[in-house]
PDB file of all heavy atoms in Angstrom:
ATOM      1  N   GLY A   1     148.836  26.643-145.800  1.00  0.00           N
ATOM      2  CA  GLY A   1     149.718  27.784-145.963  1.00  0.00           C
ATOM      3  C   GLY A   1     149.076  28.990-146.608  1.00  0.00           C
ATOM      4  O   GLY A   1     149.779  29.932-146.983  1.00  0.00           O
ATOM      5  N   ALA A   2     147.746  29.022-146.724  1.00  0.00           N
ATOM      6  CA  ALA A   2     147.062  30.166-147.328  1.00  0.00           C
ATOM      7  C   ALA A   2     146.312  30.962-146.258  1.00  0.00           C
ATOM      8  O   ALA A   2     146.401  30.673-145.064  1.00  0.00           O
ATOM      9  CB  ALA A   2     146.120  29.692-148.428  1.00  0.00           C
ATOM     10  N   ASN A   3     145.562  31.957-146.695  1.00  0.00           N
ATOM     11  CA  ASN A   3     144.912  32.871-145.748  1.00  0.00           C
ATOM     12  C   ASN A   3     143.997  32.176-144.755  1.00  0.00           C
ATOM     13  O   ASN A   3     143.955  32.528-143.574  1.00  0.00           O
ATOM     14  CB  ASN A   3     144.108  33.924-146.517  1.00  0.00           C
ATOM     15  CG  ASN A   3     144.973  35.056-147.023  1.00  0.00           C
ATOM     16  OD1 ASN A   3     146.204  34.986-146.950  1.00  0.00           O
ATOM     17  ND2 ASN A   3     144.354  36.099-147.553  1.00  0.00           N
ATOM     18  N   SER A   4     143.226  31.187-145.236  1.00  0.00           N
ATOM     19  CA  SER A   4     142.269  30.536-144.338  1.00  0.00           C
ATOM     20  C   SER A   4     142.978  29.869-143.171  1.00  0.00           C
ATOM     21  O   SER A   4     142.490  29.895-142.035  1.00  0.00           O
ATOM     22  CB  SER A   4     141.424  29.522-145.107  1.00  0.00           C
ATOM     23  OG  SER A   4     142.257  28.591-145.785  1.00  0.00           O
ATOM     24  N   ALA A   5     144.145  29.290-143.416  1.00  0.00           N
ATOM     25  CA  ALA A   5     144.902  28.649-142.338  1.00  0.00           C
ATOM     26  C   ALA A   5     145.430  29.692-141.366  1.00  0.00           C
ATOM     27  O   ALA A   5     145.378  29.510-140.139  1.00  0.00           O
ATOM     28  CB  ALA A   5     146.052  27.825-142.916  1.00  0.00           C
ATOM     29  N   GLY A   6     145.953  30.796-141.886  1.00  0.00           N
ATOM     30  CA  GLY A   6     146.456  31.852-141.022  1.00  0.00           C
ATOM     31  C   GLY A   6     145.366  32.470-140.173  1.00  0.00           C
ATOM     32  O   GLY A   6     145.547  32.717-138.969  1.00  0.00           O
ATOM     33  N   GLN A   7     144.209  32.707-140.764  1.00  0.00           N
ATOM     34  CA  GLN A   7     143.079  33.265-140.023  1.00  0.00           C
ATOM     35  C   GLN A   7     142.621  32.311-138.928  1.00  0.00           C
ATOM     36  O   GLN A   7     142.318  32.729-137.802  1.00  0.00           O
ATOM     37  CB  GLN A   7     141.935  33.573-140.990  1.00  0.00           C
ATOM     38  CG  GLN A   7     142.224  34.734-141.920  1.00  0.00           C
ATOM     39  CD  GLN A   7     141.328  34.745-143.144  1.00  0.00           C
ATOM     40  OE1 GLN A   7     140.675  33.736-143.475  1.00  0.00           O
ATOM     41  NE2 GLN A   7     141.282  35.863-143.840  1.00  0.00           N
ATOM     42  N   ALA A   8     142.584  31.021-139.247  1.00  0.00           N
ATOM     43  CA  ALA A   8     142.170  30.029-138.257  1.00  0.00           C
ATOM     44  C   ALA A   8     143.152  29.969-137.094  1.00  0.00           C
ATOM     45  O   ALA A   8     142.748  29.920-135.922  1.00  0.00           O
ATOM     46  CB  ALA A   8     142.054  28.657-138.917  1.00  0.00           C
ATOM     47  N   ALA A   9     144.449  29.980-137.384  1.00  0.00           N
ATOM     48  CA  ALA A   9     145.456  29.916-136.329  1.00  0.00           C
ATOM     49  C   ALA A   9     145.335  31.103-135.387  1.00  0.00           C
ATOM     50  O   ALA A   9     145.388  30.953-134.153  1.00  0.00           O
ATOM     51  CB  ALA A   9     146.849  29.856-136.945  1.00  0.00           C
ATOM     52  N   LEU A  10     145.173  32.300-135.931  1.00  0.00           N
ATOM     53  CA  LEU A  10     145.036  33.495-135.098  1.00  0.00           C
ATOM     54  C   LEU A  10     143.759  33.458-134.258  1.00  0.00           C
ATOM     55  O   LEU A  10     143.758  33.839-133.087  1.00  0.00           O
ATOM     56  CB  LEU A  10     145.055  34.742-135.985  1.00  0.00           C
ATOM     57  CG  LEU A  10     146.407  35.078-136.629  1.00  0.00           C
ATOM     58  CD1 LEU A  10     146.232  36.121-137.719  1.00  0.00           C
ATOM     59  CD2 LEU A  10     147.393  35.562-135.566  1.00  0.00           C
ATOM     60  N   TYR A  11     142.676  33.004-134.849  1.00  0.00           N
ATOM     61  CA  TYR A  11     141.399  32.932-134.138  1.00  0.00           C
ATOM     62  C   TYR A  11     141.477  31.944-132.978  1.00  0.00           C
ATOM     63  O   TYR A  11     141.052  32.250-131.856  1.00  0.00           O
ATOM     64  CB  TYR A  11     140.300  32.519-135.113  1.00  0.00           C
ATOM     65  CG  TYR A  11     138.960  32.245-134.474  1.00  0.00           C
ATOM     66  CD1 TYR A  11     138.177  33.284-133.977  1.00  0.00           C
ATOM     67  CD2 TYR A  11     138.462  30.949-134.372  1.00  0.00           C
ATOM     68  CE1 TYR A  11     136.948  33.034-133.393  1.00  0.00           C
ATOM     69  CE2 TYR A  11     137.235  30.688-133.800  1.00  0.00           C
ATOM     70  CZ  TYR A  11     136.477  31.742-133.311  1.00  0.00           C
ATOM     71  OH  TYR A  11     135.261  31.484-132.720  1.00  0.00           O
ATOM     72  N   LEU A  12     142.025  30.773-133.232  1.00  0.00           N
ATOM     73  CA  LEU A  12     142.122  29.758-132.180  1.00  0.00           C
ATOM     74  C   LEU A  12     143.055  30.211-131.065  1.00  0.00           C
ATOM     75  O   LEU A  12     142.769  30.023-129.876  1.00  0.00           O
ATOM     76  CB  LEU A  12     142.590  28.440-132.792  1.00  0.00           C
ATOM     77  CG  LEU A  12     141.596  27.766-133.752  1.00  0.00           C
ATOM     78  CD1 LEU A  12     142.303  26.715-134.604  1.00  0.00           C
ATOM     79  CD2 LEU A  12     140.438  27.151-132.980  1.00  0.00           C
ATOM     80  N   ALA A  13     144.177  30.824-131.428  1.00  0.00           N
ATOM     81  CA  ALA A  13     145.116  31.307-130.423  1.00  0.00           C
ATOM     82  C   ALA A  13     144.496  32.408-129.572  1.00  0.00           C
ATOM     83  O   ALA A  13     144.678  32.452-128.347  1.00  0.00           O
ATOM     84  CB  ALA A  13     146.391  31.804-131.098  1.00  0.00           C
ATOM     85  N   ALA A  14     143.749  33.300-130.205  1.00  0.00           N
ATOM     86  CA  ALA A  14     143.106  34.396-129.475  1.00  0.00           C
ATOM     87  C   ALA A  14     142.074  33.894-128.485  1.00  0.00           C
ATOM     88  O   ALA A  14     141.719  34.607-127.536  1.00  0.00           O
ATOM     89  CB  ALA A  14     142.460  35.363-130.464  1.00  0.00           C
ATOM     90  N   ASN A  15     141.604  32.677-128.683  1.00  0.00           N
ATOM     91  CA  ASN A  15     140.603  32.101-127.780  1.00  0.00           C
ATOM     92  C   ASN A  15     141.201  31.029-126.868  1.00  0.00           C
ATOM     93  O   ASN A  15     140.495  30.139-126.401  1.00  0.00           O
ATOM     94  CB  ASN A  15     139.439  31.527-128.588  1.00  0.00           C
ATOM     95  CG  ASN A  15     138.528  32.610-129.138  1.00  0.00           C
ATOM     96  OD1 ASN A  15     137.658  33.116-128.439  1.00  0.00           O
ATOM     97  ND2 ASN A  15     138.747  32.992-130.396  1.00  0.00           N
ATOM     98  N   GLY A  16     142.488  31.125-126.639  1.00  0.00           N
ATOM     99  CA  GLY A  16     143.120  30.316-125.604  1.00  0.00           C
ATOM    100  C   GLY A  16     143.731  29.006-126.032  1.00  0.00           C
ATOM    101  O   GLY A  16     144.164  28.224-125.171  1.00  0.00           O
ATOM    102  N   CYS A  17     143.788  28.723-127.325  1.00  0.00           N
ATOM    103  CA  CYS A  17     144.347  27.446-127.786  1.00  0.00           C
ATOM    104  C   CYS A  17     145.809  27.609-128.207  1.00  0.00           C
ATOM    105  O   CYS A  17     146.104  28.420-129.096  1.00  0.00           O
ATOM    106  CB  CYS A  17     143.557  26.916-128.979  1.00  0.00           C
ATOM    107  SG  CYS A  17     141.844  26.491-128.636  1.00  0.00           S
ATOM    108  N   PRO A  18     146.741  26.861-127.613  1.00  0.00           N
ATOM    109  CA  PRO A  18     148.092  26.810-128.163  1.00  0.00           C
ATOM    110  C   PRO A  18     148.027  26.168-129.550  1.00  0.00           C
ATOM    111  O   PRO A  18     147.394  25.125-129.729  1.00  0.00           O
ATOM    112  CB  PRO A  18     148.853  25.920-127.174  1.00  0.00           C
ATOM    113  CG  PRO A  18     148.011  25.911-125.935  1.00  0.00           C
ATOM    114  CD  PRO A  18     146.601  26.054-126.385  1.00  0.00           C
ATOM    115  N   VAL A  19     148.702  26.784-130.542  1.00  0.00           N
ATOM    116  CA  VAL A  19     148.531  26.371-131.928  1.00  0.00           C
ATOM    117  C   VAL A  19     149.865  25.963-132.553  1.00  0.00           C
ATOM    118  O   VAL A  19     150.868  26.675-132.436  1.00  0.00           O
ATOM    119  CB  VAL A  19     147.910  27.508-132.770  1.00  0.00           C
ATOM    120  CG1 VAL A  19     147.787  27.087-134.236  1.00  0.00           C
ATOM    121  CG2 VAL A  19     146.542  27.906-132.225  1.00  0.00           C
ATOM    122  N   HIS A  20     149.857  24.805-133.233  1.00  0.00           N
ATOM    123  CA  HIS A  20     150.941  24.398-134.111  1.00  0.00           C
ATOM    124  C   HIS A  20     150.443  24.600-135.536  1.00  0.00           C
ATOM    125  O   HIS A  20     149.479  23.949-135.960  1.00  0.00           O
ATOM    126  CB  HIS A  20     151.304  22.928-133.912  1.00  0.00           C
ATOM    127  CG  HIS A  20     151.924  22.626-132.576  1.00  0.00           C
ATOM    128  ND1 HIS A  20     153.274  22.744-132.338  1.00  0.00           N
ATOM    129  CD2 HIS A  20     151.353  22.226-131.410  1.00  0.00           C
ATOM    130  CE1 HIS A  20     153.526  22.416-131.082  1.00  0.00           C
ATOM    131  NE2 HIS A  20     152.377  22.101-130.492  1.00  0.00           N
ATOM    132  N   LEU A  21     151.090  25.509-136.285  1.00  0.00           N
ATOM    133  CA  LEU A  21     150.726  25.746-137.680  1.00  0.00           C
ATOM    134  C   LEU A  21     151.717  25.000-138.565  1.00  0.00           C
ATOM    135  O   LEU A  21     152.915  25.297-138.573  1.00  0.00           O
ATOM    136  CB  LEU A  21     150.747  27.235-138.001  1.00  0.00           C
ATOM    137  CG  LEU A  21     150.480  27.618-139.462  1.00  0.00           C
ATOM    138  CD1 LEU A  21     149.114  27.108-139.922  1.00  0.00           C
ATOM    139  CD2 LEU A  21     150.579  29.125-139.642  1.00  0.00           C
ATOM    140  N   VAL A  22     151.225  24.017-139.318  1.00  0.00           N
ATOM    141  CA  VAL A  22     152.068  23.164-140.147  1.00  0.00           C
ATOM    142  C   VAL A  22     151.946  23.609-141.603  1.00  0.00           C
ATOM    143  O   VAL A  22     150.858  23.577-142.195  1.00  0.00           O
ATOM    144  CB  VAL A  22     151.670  21.682-140.007  1.00  0.00           C
ATOM    145  CG1 VAL A  22     152.541  20.804-140.892  1.00  0.00           C
ATOM    146  CG2 VAL A  22     151.772  21.246-138.548  1.00  0.00           C
ATOM    147  N   VAL A  23     153.096  24.038-142.169  1.00  0.00           N
ATOM    148  CA  VAL A  23     153.129  24.553-143.536  1.00  0.00           C
ATOM    149  C   VAL A  23     154.116  23.721-144.343  1.00  0.00           C
ATOM    150  O   VAL A  23     155.272  23.547-143.931  1.00  0.00           O
ATOM    151  CB  VAL A  23     153.553  26.033-143.551  1.00  0.00           C
ATOM    152  CG1 VAL A  23     153.505  26.574-144.977  1.00  0.00           C
ATOM    153  CG2 VAL A  23     152.654  26.851-142.639  1.00  0.00           C
ATOM    154  N   ARG A  24     153.680  23.230-145.486  1.00  0.00           N
ATOM    155  CA  ARG A  24     154.541  22.377-146.296  1.00  0.00           C
ATOM    156  C   ARG A  24     155.693  23.156-146.939  1.00  0.00           C
ATOM    157  O   ARG A  24     156.796  22.651-147.084  1.00  0.00           O
ATOM    158  CB  ARG A  24     153.710  21.676-147.369  1.00  0.00           C
ATOM    159  CG  ARG A  24     154.470  20.609-148.137  1.00  0.00           C
ATOM    160  CD  ARG A  24     153.521  19.792-148.980  1.00  0.00           C
ATOM    161  NE  ARG A  24     152.696  20.637-149.862  1.00  0.00           N
ATOM    162  CZ  ARG A  24     151.750  20.171-150.658  1.00  0.00           C
ATOM    163  NH1 ARG A  24     151.476  18.887-150.647  1.00  0.00           N
ATOM    164  NH2 ARG A  24     151.062  20.990-151.431  1.00  0.00           N
ATOM    165  N   GLY A  25     155.460  24.402-147.330  1.00  0.00           N
ATOM    166  CA  GLY A  25     156.483  25.200-147.994  1.00  0.00           C
ATOM    167  C   GLY A  25     157.408  25.906-147.029  1.00  0.00           C
ATOM    168  O   GLY A  25     157.198  25.906-145.802  1.00  0.00           O
ATOM    169  N   SER A  26     158.424  26.551-147.596  1.00  0.00           N
ATOM    170  CA  SER A  26     159.400  27.267-146.768  1.00  0.00           C
ATOM    171  C   SER A  26     159.046  28.734-146.592  1.00  0.00           C
ATOM    172  O   SER A  26     159.441  29.360-145.607  1.00  0.00           O
ATOM    173  CB  SER A  26     160.793  27.151-147.399  1.00  0.00           C
ATOM    174  OG  SER A  26     160.789  27.690-148.717  1.00  0.00           O
ATOM    175  N   ASP A  27     158.286  29.302-147.534  1.00  0.00           N
ATOM    176  CA  ASP A  27     157.956  30.723-147.503  1.00  0.00           C
ATOM    177  C   ASP A  27     156.479  30.894-147.144  1.00  0.00           C
ATOM    178  O   ASP A  27     155.601  30.642-147.961  1.00  0.00           O
ATOM    179  CB  ASP A  27     158.259  31.358-148.864  1.00  0.00           C
ATOM    180  CG  ASP A  27     157.947  32.853-148.892  1.00  0.00           C
ATOM    181  OD1 ASP A  27     157.641  33.411-147.820  1.00  0.00           O
ATOM    182  OD2 ASP A  27     158.006  33.431-149.988  1.00  0.00           O
ATOM    183  N   LEU A  28     156.236  31.353-145.922  1.00  0.00           N
ATOM    184  CA  LEU A  28     154.856  31.518-145.467  1.00  0.00           C
ATOM    185  C   LEU A  28     154.122  32.578-146.286  1.00  0.00           C
ATOM    186  O   LEU A  28     152.906  32.527-146.454  1.00  0.00           O
ATOM    187  CB  LEU A  28     154.843  31.890-143.983  1.00  0.00           C
ATOM    188  CG  LEU A  28     153.516  31.740-143.224  1.00  0.00           C
ATOM    189  CD1 LEU A  28     153.002  30.313-143.311  1.00  0.00           C
ATOM    190  CD2 LEU A  28     153.684  32.157-141.772  1.00  0.00           C
ATOM    191  N   GLY A  29     154.869  33.547-146.805  1.00  0.00           N
ATOM    192  CA  GLY A  29     154.247  34.621-147.562  1.00  0.00           C
ATOM    193  C   GLY A  29     153.959  34.289-149.010  1.00  0.00           C
ATOM    194  O   GLY A  29     153.413  35.114-149.747  1.00  0.00           O
ATOM    195  N   ALA A  30     154.282  33.085-149.444  1.00  0.00           N
ATOM    196  CA  ALA A  30     154.057  32.723-150.848  1.00  0.00           C
ATOM    197  C   ALA A  30     152.579  32.705-151.196  1.00  0.00           C
ATOM    198  O   ALA A  30     152.194  33.105-152.300  1.00  0.00           O
ATOM    199  CB  ALA A  30     154.692  31.360-151.138  1.00  0.00           C
ATOM    200  N   ARG A  31     151.727  32.245-150.283  1.00  0.00           N
ATOM    201  CA  ARG A  31     150.284  32.143-150.553  1.00  0.00           C
ATOM    202  C   ARG A  31     149.434  32.849-149.512  1.00  0.00           C
ATOM    203  O   ARG A  31     148.216  32.796-149.566  1.00  0.00           O
ATOM    204  CB  ARG A  31     149.881  30.665-150.621  1.00  0.00           C
ATOM    205  CG  ARG A  31     150.563  29.904-151.760  1.00  0.00           C
ATOM    206  CD  ARG A  31     150.302  28.407-151.668  1.00  0.00           C
ATOM    207  NE  ARG A  31     148.883  28.108-151.590  1.00  0.00           N
ATOM    208  CZ  ARG A  31     148.347  27.243-150.733  1.00  0.00           C
ATOM    209  NH1 ARG A  31     149.121  26.598-149.872  1.00  0.00           N
ATOM    210  NH2 ARG A  31     147.061  27.000-150.740  1.00  0.00           N
ATOM    211  N   MET A  32     150.074  33.501-148.539  1.00  0.00           N
ATOM    212  CA  MET A  32     149.343  34.131-147.444  1.00  0.00           C
ATOM    213  C   MET A  32     149.582  35.639-147.454  1.00  0.00           C
ATOM    214  O   MET A  32     150.699  36.093-147.733  1.00  0.00           O
ATOM    215  CB  MET A  32     149.795  33.529-146.102  1.00  0.00           C
ATOM    216  CG  MET A  32     148.950  33.953-144.907  1.00  0.00           C
ATOM    217  SD  MET A  32     149.552  33.215-143.358  1.00  0.00           S
ATOM    218  CE  MET A  32     149.262  31.471-143.641  1.00  0.00           C
ATOM    219  N   SER A  33     148.542  36.417-147.169  1.00  0.00           N
ATOM    220  CA  SER A  33     148.661  37.872-147.130  1.00  0.00           C
ATOM    221  C   SER A  33     149.678  38.298-146.084  1.00  0.00           C
ATOM    222  O   SER A  33     149.781  37.682-145.008  1.00  0.00           O
ATOM    223  CB  SER A  33     147.306  38.505-146.829  1.00  0.00           C
ATOM    224  OG  SER A  33     146.369  38.199-147.841  1.00  0.00           O
ATOM    225  N   SER A  34     150.411  39.366-146.369  1.00  0.00           N
ATOM    226  CA  SER A  34     151.509  39.788-145.495  1.00  0.00           C
ATOM    227  C   SER A  34     151.030  40.182-144.105  1.00  0.00           C
ATOM    228  O   SER A  34     151.736  39.965-143.111  1.00  0.00           O
ATOM    229  CB  SER A  34     152.274  40.946-146.133  1.00  0.00           C
ATOM    230  OG  SER A  34     151.412  42.056-146.357  1.00  0.00           O
ATOM    231  N   TYR A  35     149.811  40.753-143.995  1.00  0.00           N
ATOM    232  CA  TYR A  35     149.341  41.153-142.667  1.00  0.00           C
ATOM    233  C   TYR A  35     149.143  39.929-141.769  1.00  0.00           C
ATOM    234  O   TYR A  35     149.360  39.997-140.553  1.00  0.00           O
ATOM    235  CB  TYR A  35     148.058  41.992-142.775  1.00  0.00           C
ATOM    236  CG  TYR A  35     146.785  41.217-142.987  1.00  0.00           C
ATOM    237  CD1 TYR A  35     146.004  40.810-141.899  1.00  0.00           C
ATOM    238  CD2 TYR A  35     146.334  40.899-144.262  1.00  0.00           C
ATOM    239  CE1 TYR A  35     144.823  40.118-142.090  1.00  0.00           C
ATOM    240  CE2 TYR A  35     145.163  40.203-144.461  1.00  0.00           C
ATOM    241  CZ  TYR A  35     144.396  39.816-143.375  1.00  0.00           C
ATOM    242  OH  TYR A  35     143.228  39.118-143.550  1.00  0.00           O
ATOM    243  N   LEU A  36     148.757  38.814-142.358  1.00  0.00           N
ATOM    244  CA  LEU A  36     148.601  37.590-141.574  1.00  0.00           C
ATOM    245  C   LEU A  36     149.966  37.010-141.201  1.00  0.00           C
ATOM    246  O   LEU A  36     150.156  36.551-140.064  1.00  0.00           O
ATOM    247  CB  LEU A  36     147.799  36.554-142.371  1.00  0.00           C
ATOM    248  CG  LEU A  36     146.303  36.834-142.552  1.00  0.00           C
ATOM    249  CD1 LEU A  36     145.683  35.827-143.513  1.00  0.00           C
ATOM    250  CD2 LEU A  36     145.587  36.788-141.202  1.00  0.00           C
ATOM    251  N   VAL A  37     150.905  37.037-142.130  1.00  0.00           N
ATOM    252  CA  VAL A  37     152.251  36.537-141.836  1.00  0.00           C
ATOM    253  C   VAL A  37     152.854  37.306-140.667  1.00  0.00           C
ATOM    254  O   VAL A  37     153.442  36.715-139.750  1.00  0.00           O
ATOM    255  CB  VAL A  37     153.147  36.658-143.090  1.00  0.00           C
ATOM    256  CG1 VAL A  37     154.588  36.254-142.751  1.00  0.00           C
ATOM    257  CG2 VAL A  37     152.608  35.788-144.221  1.00  0.00           C
ATOM    258  N   ASP A  38     152.694  38.629-140.673  1.00  0.00           N
ATOM    259  CA  ASP A  38     153.240  39.451-139.587  1.00  0.00           C
ATOM    260  C   ASP A  38     152.589  39.119-138.254  1.00  0.00           C
ATOM    261  O   ASP A  38     153.270  39.014-137.219  1.00  0.00           O
ATOM    262  CB  ASP A  38     153.042  40.933-139.902  1.00  0.00           C
ATOM    263  CG  ASP A  38     153.866  41.386-141.105  1.00  0.00           C
ATOM    264  OD1 ASP A  38     154.826  40.667-141.454  1.00  0.00           O
ATOM    265  OD2 ASP A  38     153.523  42.439-141.691  1.00  0.00           O
ATOM    266  N   ARG A  39     151.293  38.937-138.240  1.00  0.00           N
ATOM    267  CA  ARG A  39     150.591  38.646-136.980  1.00  0.00           C
ATOM    268  C   ARG A  39     150.976  37.264-136.444  1.00  0.00           C
ATOM    269  O   ARG A  39     151.087  37.079-135.237  1.00  0.00           O
ATOM    270  CB  ARG A  39     149.085  38.742-137.189  1.00  0.00           C
ATOM    271  CG  ARG A  39     148.606  40.158-137.404  1.00  0.00           C
ATOM    272  CD  ARG A  39     147.105  40.241-137.391  1.00  0.00           C
ATOM    273  NE  ARG A  39     146.654  41.586-137.693  1.00  0.00           N
ATOM    274  CZ  ARG A  39     145.375  41.950-137.727  1.00  0.00           C
ATOM    275  NH1 ARG A  39     144.433  41.047-137.470  1.00  0.00           N
ATOM    276  NH2 ARG A  39     145.043  43.190-138.001  1.00  0.00           N
ATOM    277  N   LEU A  40     151.138  36.319-137.331  1.00  0.00           N
ATOM    278  CA  LEU A  40     151.554  34.984-136.884  1.00  0.00           C
ATOM    279  C   LEU A  40     152.930  35.028-136.242  1.00  0.00           C
ATOM    280  O   LEU A  40     153.182  34.369-135.214  1.00  0.00           O
ATOM    281  CB  LEU A  40     151.559  34.021-138.072  1.00  0.00           C
ATOM    282  CG  LEU A  40     150.187  33.635-138.653  1.00  0.00           C
ATOM    283  CD1 LEU A  40     150.358  32.911-139.976  1.00  0.00           C
ATOM    284  CD2 LEU A  40     149.406  32.774-137.672  1.00  0.00           C
ATOM    285  N   ALA A  41     153.827  35.817-136.829  1.00  0.00           N
ATOM    286  CA  ALA A  41     155.183  35.915-136.283  1.00  0.00           C
ATOM    287  C   ALA A  41     155.192  36.577-134.917  1.00  0.00           C
ATOM    288  O   ALA A  41     156.058  36.284-134.071  1.00  0.00           O
ATOM    289  CB  ALA A  41     156.066  36.692-137.258  1.00  0.00           C
TER     290      ALA A  41
END
């Protein structure tokens, strides 16, 4: 649920991989930068 996970999900998706991002918490923005949260959405 932190930046490294968000960056990885975006990178893999941009290269053709369907991605399931599994986050234990309810608030994605608690540990992740807002620009990454917006791009994931």
